[in-house]
Protein backbone atom coordinates (compact mmCIF):
# COMPACT_ATOMS: atom_id res chain seq x y z
CA MET A 1 36.08 31.43 144.88
CA LEU A 2 37.43 32.86 141.63
CA GLU A 3 38.06 30.40 138.80
CA LYS A 4 40.18 31.26 135.78
CA LYS A 5 41.28 29.23 132.74
CA VAL A 6 45.05 29.53 132.37
CA SER A 7 47.88 27.69 130.65
CA PHE A 8 51.58 27.12 131.12
CA PHE A 9 54.34 25.40 129.16
CA THR A 10 56.52 22.33 129.51
CA GLY A 11 60.27 22.43 128.92
CA GLN A 12 59.58 21.16 125.40
CA GLY A 13 57.23 24.06 124.69
CA LEU A 14 53.94 22.13 124.94
CA GLN A 15 51.06 24.23 126.21
CA LEU A 16 49.14 22.67 129.12
CA ALA A 17 45.57 23.75 129.87
CA ALA A 18 44.79 24.49 133.51
CA ILE A 19 42.33 26.01 135.97
CA LEU A 20 43.49 28.40 138.69
CA GLU A 21 41.17 28.84 141.66
CA THR A 22 41.68 31.54 144.28
CA PRO A 23 39.62 32.40 147.35
CA ALA A 24 37.08 35.16 146.63
CA ASP A 25 38.03 36.98 149.83
CA MET A 26 41.77 37.34 149.26
CA PRO A 27 43.49 38.98 152.23
CA GLY A 28 44.59 42.55 151.66
CA GLY A 29 48.11 43.88 151.67
CA THR A 30 51.04 41.72 150.68
CA GLN A 31 49.96 38.51 152.39
CA ARG A 32 50.42 35.53 150.10
CA LEU A 33 48.49 32.28 150.34
CA PRO A 34 49.70 28.68 150.19
CA GLY A 35 49.41 27.06 146.77
CA VAL A 36 48.51 23.49 145.86
CA VAL A 37 48.88 21.66 142.55
CA LEU A 38 46.33 18.87 142.07
CA CYS A 39 47.64 15.78 140.26
CA GLN A 40 45.04 13.64 138.53
CA GLY A 41 45.13 9.91 137.97
CA PRO A 42 45.29 7.86 134.77
CA GLY A 43 42.53 9.82 133.00
CA GLY A 44 45.08 12.63 132.65
CA ALA A 45 42.55 15.46 132.38
CA LYS A 46 41.40 18.07 134.85
CA GLY A 47 37.93 17.42 136.17
CA GLY A 48 36.14 14.77 138.19
CA VAL A 49 37.14 14.62 141.83
CA LEU A 50 39.73 17.38 141.30
CA ILE A 51 36.94 19.95 140.98
CA ASP A 52 35.54 19.05 144.41
CA VAL A 53 39.00 18.94 146.00
CA ALA A 54 39.86 22.33 144.48
CA LYS A 55 36.67 23.89 145.84
CA ARG A 56 37.32 22.58 149.36
CA LEU A 57 40.95 23.70 149.37
CA THR A 58 40.08 27.11 147.97
CA ALA A 59 37.38 27.54 150.63
CA ALA A 60 40.07 26.75 153.22
CA GLY A 61 42.29 29.57 151.91
CA PHE A 62 44.54 27.87 149.35
CA VAL A 63 45.29 28.92 145.78
CA VAL A 64 44.75 25.80 143.67
CA LEU A 65 45.98 24.82 140.20
CA TYR A 66 44.80 21.73 138.36
CA PHE A 67 45.61 20.87 134.77
CA ASP A 68 45.54 18.41 131.88
CA TYR A 69 48.74 16.41 131.48
CA ARG A 70 50.39 16.70 128.07
CA GLY A 71 48.39 14.79 125.46
CA PHE A 72 45.22 14.73 127.58
CA GLY A 73 42.15 16.96 127.62
CA GLU A 74 42.90 20.39 126.17
CA SER A 75 46.70 20.15 126.48
CA GLN A 76 49.13 19.75 123.62
CA GLY A 77 51.19 16.59 123.09
CA ARG A 78 50.88 13.06 121.74
CA GLN A 79 47.35 12.02 122.53
CA ARG A 80 46.58 9.73 125.48
CA ILE A 81 50.11 8.46 126.07
CA LEU A 82 50.71 7.91 129.79
CA LEU A 83 54.43 8.36 130.44
CA PRO A 84 54.98 8.81 134.18
CA LEU A 85 58.23 10.80 134.01
CA GLU A 86 56.71 13.22 131.50
CA GLN A 87 53.75 13.70 133.83
CA VAL A 88 56.19 14.28 136.70
CA GLU A 89 57.81 17.01 134.57
CA ASP A 90 54.34 18.49 133.92
CA ILE A 91 53.77 18.67 137.69
CA ARG A 92 57.12 20.42 138.19
CA CYS A 93 56.19 22.93 135.47
CA ALA A 94 52.84 23.46 137.23
CA LEU A 95 54.68 24.16 140.50
CA THR A 96 56.90 26.68 138.75
CA TRP A 97 53.94 28.46 137.17
CA LEU A 98 51.92 28.48 140.40
CA GLY A 99 54.89 29.82 142.35
CA GLN A 100 55.15 32.76 139.94
CA GLN A 101 51.64 33.98 140.76
CA PRO A 102 51.65 37.11 142.95
CA GLU A 103 49.06 35.73 145.38
CA VAL A 104 51.06 32.53 146.11
CA ASP A 105 53.64 32.06 148.86
CA THR A 106 56.49 30.06 147.27
CA GLU A 107 57.50 28.81 150.71
CA ARG A 108 54.13 27.07 151.09
CA LEU A 109 53.66 24.93 147.98
CA GLY A 110 52.01 21.53 148.16
CA LEU A 111 50.76 18.66 146.03
CA TRP A 112 47.58 16.57 146.20
CA GLY A 113 47.28 13.51 143.98
CA ALA A 114 45.03 10.51 143.46
CA ALA A 115 45.93 7.08 142.01
CA THR A 116 48.84 7.52 139.56
CA GLY A 117 48.67 11.24 140.38
CA GLY A 118 49.31 10.28 144.00
CA ALA A 119 52.34 8.26 142.94
CA HIS A 120 53.58 11.18 140.85
CA ALA A 121 53.00 13.60 143.76
CA SER A 122 55.05 11.34 146.06
CA TYR A 123 57.89 11.23 143.54
CA VAL A 124 57.92 14.99 143.00
CA ALA A 125 57.70 15.70 146.74
CA GLY A 126 60.70 13.46 147.32
CA THR A 127 62.81 15.11 144.63
CA ASP A 128 61.75 18.78 144.59
CA ASN A 129 62.56 20.97 147.60
CA ARG A 130 59.83 23.47 146.69
CA VAL A 131 57.19 20.98 147.87
CA LYS A 132 56.49 21.50 151.57
CA CYS A 133 53.58 19.07 151.94
CA MET A 134 51.97 16.30 149.91
CA VAL A 135 48.83 14.17 150.01
CA SER A 136 48.61 10.91 148.08
CA VAL A 137 45.17 9.28 147.86
CA SER A 138 45.39 5.66 146.69
CA GLY A 139 48.80 6.33 145.18
CA MET A 140 51.01 3.37 144.44
CA GLY A 141 54.69 3.31 145.38
CA ASP A 142 55.80 1.16 142.45
CA CYS A 143 53.67 1.65 139.33
CA GLY A 144 55.38 -1.19 137.47
CA ARG A 145 54.61 -3.69 140.20
CA TRP A 146 51.06 -2.33 140.47
CA PHE A 147 50.49 -2.68 136.69
CA ARG A 148 51.79 -6.26 136.84
CA THR A 149 49.28 -7.15 139.55
CA MET A 150 46.42 -5.88 137.39
CA ARG A 151 46.69 -8.69 134.79
CA PRO A 152 47.68 -12.34 134.43
CA TYR A 153 51.33 -13.12 133.69
CA TRP A 154 50.71 -13.82 129.99
CA GLN A 155 48.96 -10.45 129.53
CA TRP A 156 51.86 -8.72 131.27
CA GLN A 157 54.29 -10.36 128.87
CA GLU A 158 52.19 -9.26 125.88
CA LEU A 159 52.09 -5.71 127.23
CA LEU A 160 55.87 -5.66 127.55
CA LYS A 161 56.21 -6.67 123.88
CA SER A 162 54.03 -3.78 122.66
């Protein structure tokens, strides 16, 4: 496995920090490999379980990209603000960047996400024709409803006011 620190940009020009992993024994010739973007959960930064998932997928012959959402980890942006549609845009930008790599087959792009990353992956897969497969681990279908179930009614009302 070959690991390389890379970066790409959002539509607003924010630089997002990422890791690109490719199999060490890349096939010769012009054969391109499937690519997968890993979508992290509410922590917003690359690392944790994504590292293990990336290693397993790379060992299976995939090119893998995982990254820090805007405002998290080493990426630019307002710090630690979780805005789902902005993170969805970050995933789309990651797909674009990954698809531009010479070793990646643009007809075989996929997403893997956990928790809110799984919800984001589901949303992107349903709205972006470039995504050919998707895995959502503990992803929620309705983040608003999920957030409401995480607290008593009065706390939910206070959260809505802030």
